[in-house]
Protein backbone atom coordinates (compact mmCIF):
# COMPACT_ATOMS: atom_id res chain seq x y z
CA MET A 1 -3.13 16.57 33.72
CA ASP A 2 -4.86 20.28 34.56
CA LYS A 3 -8.48 19.72 33.65
CA THR A 4 -8.57 22.75 31.46
CA VAL A 5 -5.67 21.15 29.25
CA LYS A 6 -7.49 18.51 29.09
CA ILE A 7 -10.62 19.84 27.72
CA LEU A 8 -8.34 21.91 25.69
CA SER A 9 -7.03 18.79 23.94
CA TYR A 10 -10.27 17.06 23.31
CA VAL A 11 -11.25 20.18 21.58
CA ILE A 12 -8.28 20.32 19.52
CA LEU A 13 -8.30 16.58 18.77
CA THR A 14 -12.09 17.06 17.78
CA LEU A 15 -11.65 19.36 15.25
CA LEU A 16 -8.52 18.18 13.98
CA ILE A 17 -11.04 14.60 13.46
CA VAL A 18 -13.75 16.42 11.77
CA VAL A 19 -11.16 18.20 9.15
CA MET A 20 -9.68 14.86 8.13
CA VAL A 21 -12.63 13.07 8.11
CA PHE A 22 -15.15 15.81 6.47
CA PRO A 23 -13.77 15.21 3.03
CA PHE A 24 -14.31 11.50 2.94
CA VAL A 25 -17.48 11.91 4.22
CA TRP A 26 -18.26 14.94 1.55
CA MET A 27 -17.16 12.17 -1.10
CA VAL A 28 -19.42 9.27 -0.26
CA LEU A 29 -22.00 11.65 0.38
CA SER A 30 -21.46 12.81 -3.06
CA SER A 31 -21.83 9.61 -4.80
CA LEU A 32 -25.25 9.44 -3.54
CA LYS A 33 -26.49 12.69 -5.00
CA PRO A 34 -28.39 12.77 -8.96
CA PHE A 35 -26.55 15.05 -10.78
CA ARG A 36 -29.05 17.85 -10.95
CA GLU A 37 -28.18 18.24 -6.39
CA VAL A 38 -24.18 18.07 -6.87
CA TYR A 39 -23.62 21.02 -6.80
CA ARG A 40 -25.96 22.22 -4.87
CA PRO A 41 -24.21 23.68 -0.99
CA LYS A 42 -25.75 20.87 1.07
CA ILE A 43 -24.68 18.29 2.68
CA LEU A 44 -26.67 15.90 3.22
CA PRO A 45 -28.64 14.47 -0.38
CA GLU A 46 -32.59 15.53 -1.09
CA ASN A 47 -32.86 12.32 -3.09
CA PRO A 48 -30.55 9.93 -2.27
CA THR A 49 -29.85 7.14 -5.16
CA LEU A 50 -27.53 4.25 -6.12
CA SER A 51 -27.58 5.05 -10.12
CA ASN A 52 -24.00 6.52 -10.15
CA TYR A 53 -22.67 3.14 -8.55
CA ARG A 54 -24.60 1.36 -11.81
CA GLN A 55 -23.00 3.85 -13.97
CA ILE A 56 -19.74 3.15 -12.97
CA LEU A 57 -19.83 -0.69 -12.35
CA SER A 58 -21.44 -0.43 -15.78
CA TYR A 59 -18.59 1.59 -17.27
CA SER A 60 -16.28 -1.24 -19.21
CA LEU A 61 -13.06 -0.12 -18.10
CA PHE A 62 -13.89 0.12 -14.31
CA PRO A 63 -13.56 -3.41 -13.63
CA LYS A 64 -10.53 -4.30 -15.40
CA TRP A 65 -9.37 -1.28 -13.21
CA PHE A 66 -10.11 -2.55 -10.34
CA LEU A 67 -8.77 -5.84 -11.08
CA ASN A 68 -5.21 -4.54 -12.11
CA SER A 69 -4.90 -2.84 -8.93
CA LEU A 70 -5.98 -6.23 -7.17
CA ILE A 71 -3.20 -7.59 -8.97
CA VAL A 72 -0.34 -5.54 -8.81
CA ALA A 73 -1.61 -4.96 -4.85
CA LEU A 74 -1.81 -8.86 -3.99
CA SER A 75 1.30 -9.81 -6.09
CA THR A 76 3.88 -7.09 -4.85
CA THR A 77 3.02 -7.63 -1.14
CA LEU A 78 3.81 -11.63 -1.55
CA SER A 79 6.64 -10.79 -3.31
CA VAL A 80 7.89 -8.69 -0.25
CA LEU A 81 6.54 -10.98 2.18
CA PHE A 82 9.26 -13.24 0.97
CA PHE A 83 11.96 -11.66 -0.28
CA ASP A 84 12.29 -9.13 2.18
CA SER A 85 11.92 -11.56 4.66
CA LEU A 86 14.58 -14.10 2.89
CA VAL A 87 16.87 -11.18 2.94
CA GLY A 88 16.56 -9.36 6.78
CA TYR A 89 16.86 -13.49 7.49
CA THR A 90 19.81 -14.41 5.88
CA LEU A 91 21.59 -10.47 6.87
CA ALA A 92 20.27 -11.13 10.45
CA LYS A 93 21.83 -14.91 10.75
CA PHE A 94 24.29 -15.10 8.72
CA LYS A 95 27.63 -13.78 9.06
CA PHE A 96 29.95 -13.63 5.62
CA PRO A 97 32.47 -10.97 4.32
CA GLY A 98 30.83 -7.43 3.51
CA ARG A 99 27.55 -8.24 5.22
CA ASN A 100 27.00 -5.06 7.21
CA ILE A 101 28.56 -3.48 3.82
CA ILE A 102 25.36 -4.44 1.88
CA PHE A 103 22.88 -3.91 4.82
CA ILE A 104 24.49 -0.04 4.63
CA PHE A 105 23.73 -0.01 0.68
CA ILE A 106 20.01 -1.23 1.15
CA LEU A 107 19.38 1.30 3.75
CA SER A 108 21.22 4.23 1.56
CA THR A 109 18.69 3.85 -1.29
CA LEU A 110 16.15 4.96 1.75
CA MET A 111 17.75 8.30 1.00
CA ILE A 112 16.79 8.10 -3.08
CA PRO A 113 13.68 10.18 -3.99
CA THR A 114 11.89 7.57 -6.14
CA GLU A 115 11.48 10.45 -8.78
CA MET A 116 15.10 10.45 -9.13
CA LEU A 117 14.59 6.36 -10.14
CA ILE A 118 11.56 6.60 -12.58
CA ILE A 119 13.95 7.40 -15.39
CA PRO A 120 16.32 4.58 -14.74
CA TRP A 121 13.19 2.01 -13.86
CA TYR A 122 11.59 3.06 -17.39
CA VAL A 123 14.28 2.70 -19.30
CA MET A 124 15.07 -1.04 -17.84
CA SER A 125 11.01 -1.91 -18.50
CA SER A 126 11.52 -0.76 -22.19
CA LYS A 127 14.58 -2.90 -22.87
CA LEU A 128 12.83 -5.80 -21.26
CA GLY A 129 9.65 -5.32 -22.86
CA TRP A 130 7.45 -4.43 -20.10
CA ILE A 131 5.82 -1.46 -20.85
CA ASP A 132 2.20 -1.98 -20.97
CA THR A 133 2.32 -5.36 -18.68
CA TYR A 134 1.76 -6.29 -15.16
CA TRP A 135 5.53 -7.07 -14.78
CA GLY A 136 6.04 -3.48 -15.55
CA ILE A 137 3.98 -1.80 -13.18
CA MET A 138 4.90 -4.55 -10.34
CA PHE A 139 8.33 -5.03 -11.21
CA PRO A 140 9.79 -1.60 -8.37
CA GLY A 141 7.58 -2.92 -5.68
CA MET A 142 8.54 -6.38 -5.51
CA ILE A 143 11.51 -5.94 -3.15
CA THR A 144 12.13 -2.97 -0.68
CA ALA A 145 14.91 -1.41 1.23
CA PHE A 146 12.75 -0.78 4.17
CA GLY A 147 10.99 -4.56 4.33
CA ILE A 148 14.59 -6.05 4.74
CA PHE A 149 15.61 -3.23 7.11
CA LEU A 150 12.00 -4.31 9.33
CA MET A 151 12.32 -7.86 8.97
CA ARG A 152 16.54 -7.97 9.76
CA GLN A 153 15.70 -6.01 12.77
CA PHE A 154 12.90 -8.32 13.79
CA MET A 155 14.93 -12.02 12.70
CA GLU A 156 18.04 -10.69 15.03
CA THR A 157 15.41 -10.94 17.95
CA ILE A 158 15.50 -14.52 17.29
CA PRO A 159 17.81 -16.71 19.37
CA ASP A 160 20.18 -18.77 17.55
CA ASP A 161 19.89 -21.11 19.86
CA LEU A 162 16.82 -22.40 18.52
CA LEU A 163 17.69 -22.01 15.09
CA ASP A 164 20.88 -24.44 16.04
CA ALA A 165 18.31 -26.72 17.24
CA ALA A 166 16.27 -27.43 14.32
CA ARG A 167 19.98 -27.74 12.52
CA ILE A 168 20.29 -30.60 14.82
CA ASP A 169 17.15 -32.12 14.00
CA GLY A 170 18.26 -32.28 10.21
CA VAL A 171 15.72 -29.24 9.16
CA SER A 172 17.59 -27.32 5.89
CA GLU A 173 18.14 -24.34 5.90
CA PHE A 174 15.11 -23.01 4.33
CA GLY A 175 13.10 -25.44 6.13
CA ILE A 176 14.59 -23.08 9.25
CA PHE A 177 13.75 -19.90 7.96
CA TYR A 178 10.34 -21.11 6.53
CA LYS A 179 8.98 -23.34 9.48
CA VAL A 180 11.19 -21.53 12.52
CA ALA A 181 12.05 -17.84 11.57
CA LEU A 182 9.10 -16.08 9.67
CA PRO A 183 6.26 -18.06 12.69
CA LEU A 184 8.13 -16.00 15.25
CA VAL A 185 7.91 -12.59 12.96
CA LYS A 186 4.20 -12.95 12.17
CA PRO A 187 3.41 -9.16 14.07
CA ALA A 188 6.39 -7.72 11.58
CA LEU A 189 4.92 -9.73 8.32
CA ALA A 190 1.37 -8.51 9.09
CA SER A 191 2.10 -4.94 9.39
CA LEU A 192 4.63 -5.23 6.29
CA ALA A 193 1.87 -6.52 4.06
CA ILE A 194 -0.56 -4.07 5.30
CA LEU A 195 1.33 -1.14 4.77
CA ASN A 196 2.74 -2.58 1.18
CA PHE A 197 -0.71 -3.48 -0.14
CA ILE A 198 -2.26 -0.22 1.04
CA GLY A 199 1.08 2.05 -0.74
CA ASN A 200 0.63 -0.49 -3.81
CA TRP A 201 -3.48 0.59 -4.33
CA ASN A 202 -2.82 3.80 -4.13
CA ALA A 203 0.66 4.18 -6.35
CA PHE A 204 -0.19 6.56 -9.33
CA LEU A 205 3.17 7.91 -10.56
CA TRP A 206 4.77 4.89 -11.82
CA PRO A 207 1.52 3.30 -12.86
CA LEU A 208 0.90 6.11 -14.95
CA ILE A 209 4.65 6.25 -16.72
CA VAL A 210 4.79 2.64 -17.57
CA ALA A 211 1.05 1.97 -18.40
CA SER A 212 0.01 3.69 -21.76
CA ASN A 213 -2.96 1.43 -22.53
CA SER A 214 -5.91 2.49 -20.78
CA LYS A 215 -6.52 -1.32 -20.12
CA MET A 216 -3.60 -1.43 -18.08
CA TYR A 217 -4.53 1.34 -15.82
CA THR A 218 -4.74 0.91 -12.27
CA LEU A 219 -7.38 2.28 -10.24
CA PRO A 220 -5.88 5.61 -9.32
CA VAL A 221 -4.49 6.28 -12.88
CA GLY A 222 -7.83 5.15 -14.22
CA LEU A 223 -9.75 7.61 -12.28
CA SER A 224 -7.91 10.26 -13.45
CA TYR A 225 -8.70 9.32 -16.51
CA PHE A 226 -12.24 8.88 -16.23
CA SER A 227 -11.98 12.40 -14.41
CA SER A 228 -10.87 13.99 -17.82
CA GLU A 229 -13.75 12.62 -19.30
CA ASN A 230 -16.55 13.79 -17.47
CA LEU A 231 -14.86 16.56 -16.16
CA MET A 232 -18.94 18.06 -15.22
CA ARG A 233 -19.88 14.70 -13.63
CA TRP A 234 -18.73 15.22 -9.93
CA GLU A 235 -21.18 12.63 -8.66
CA LEU A 236 -19.80 9.96 -10.90
CA ILE A 237 -15.82 11.16 -9.72
CA MET A 238 -16.76 11.01 -6.30
CA THR A 239 -18.69 7.25 -6.76
CA GLY A 240 -15.64 6.32 -8.92
CA ALA A 241 -13.35 7.50 -5.67
CA THR A 242 -15.60 5.88 -3.29
CA VAL A 243 -15.48 2.90 -4.92
CA SER A 244 -11.84 2.61 -4.90
CA THR A 245 -11.65 3.10 -0.99
CA PHE A 246 -13.95 0.24 -0.42
CA PRO A 247 -11.32 -2.47 0.04
CA LEU A 248 -8.45 0.03 1.86
CA ILE A 249 -11.89 0.58 4.47
CA ILE A 250 -11.99 -3.14 4.91
CA ILE A 251 -8.45 -3.44 5.46
CA PHE A 252 -8.53 -1.25 7.78
CA LEU A 253 -11.84 -2.41 9.94
CA ILE A 254 -10.62 -5.75 10.19
CA PHE A 255 -6.52 -5.13 10.54
CA GLN A 256 -6.78 -1.70 12.65
CA ARG A 257 -4.73 -2.81 15.30
CA GLN A 258 -2.02 -4.09 12.66
CA ILE A 259 -1.93 -1.02 10.72
CA ILE A 260 -1.42 1.12 14.28
CA ARG A 261 1.29 -0.98 14.92
CA GLY A 262 2.78 -0.93 11.30
CA ILE A 263 3.06 3.03 11.62
CA MET A 264 4.53 2.82 14.47
CA LEU A 265 7.11 0.52 12.96
CA SER A 266 7.52 2.68 10.06
CA GLY A 267 8.77 5.35 11.94
CA LEU A 268 12.18 3.46 12.01
CA LYS A 269 12.81 4.56 8.78
CA GLY A 270 13.25 8.07 9.79
């Protein structure tokens, strides 16, 4: 590569990184500013303080919102890992009439915008009595078409001879799925789990609609509610936003390789 082109590429990439990272840095630094400094045009706080974090954590509903997000994100992730991998395994390794039609039907649901599903989901939740419940918030994300597609593609790479050998040894069909197939697709499971957790942690529209009681809000919805109550307290709003991103930062630092791989795999969706 020509040296000039290489330098120009580094300059452009550096500018893009600055543009993307600056809002996050500004948010974190604003969370360390006292009220009288937050409207001053300075990036660094003159008198850094942790009092904003104490105020946020002492706000009665904030721990509840955090817990709600954790329950929803973890439960939906475990559900997706089990059901998506089970359906993917079935579609990849069992031959039965209509298998391809079922798979095409599942894939076709990827083209339906989420906004078009909101009303059917709400009607279903209302009839089942799931409004303002964890079930109501979680059920749309407990099994996903993309996860089924991803797991089916990986399950197809498992040799049939390996599964037949397990059958000859007397292992049950569910045992073959759990003890033989799942360990061989761990990279796909890790990518699916991370992407699903991040997606459900940041979900806003559906939790906003199905949860009318503020005690059932998840963190994104709770932060929106908190912002409407504290329009002039930007240091508290930035502190709440910073706290809500902590779990995602920790996940990224621990699983950054799997996240990058998951983003690459998610390109299959397009």
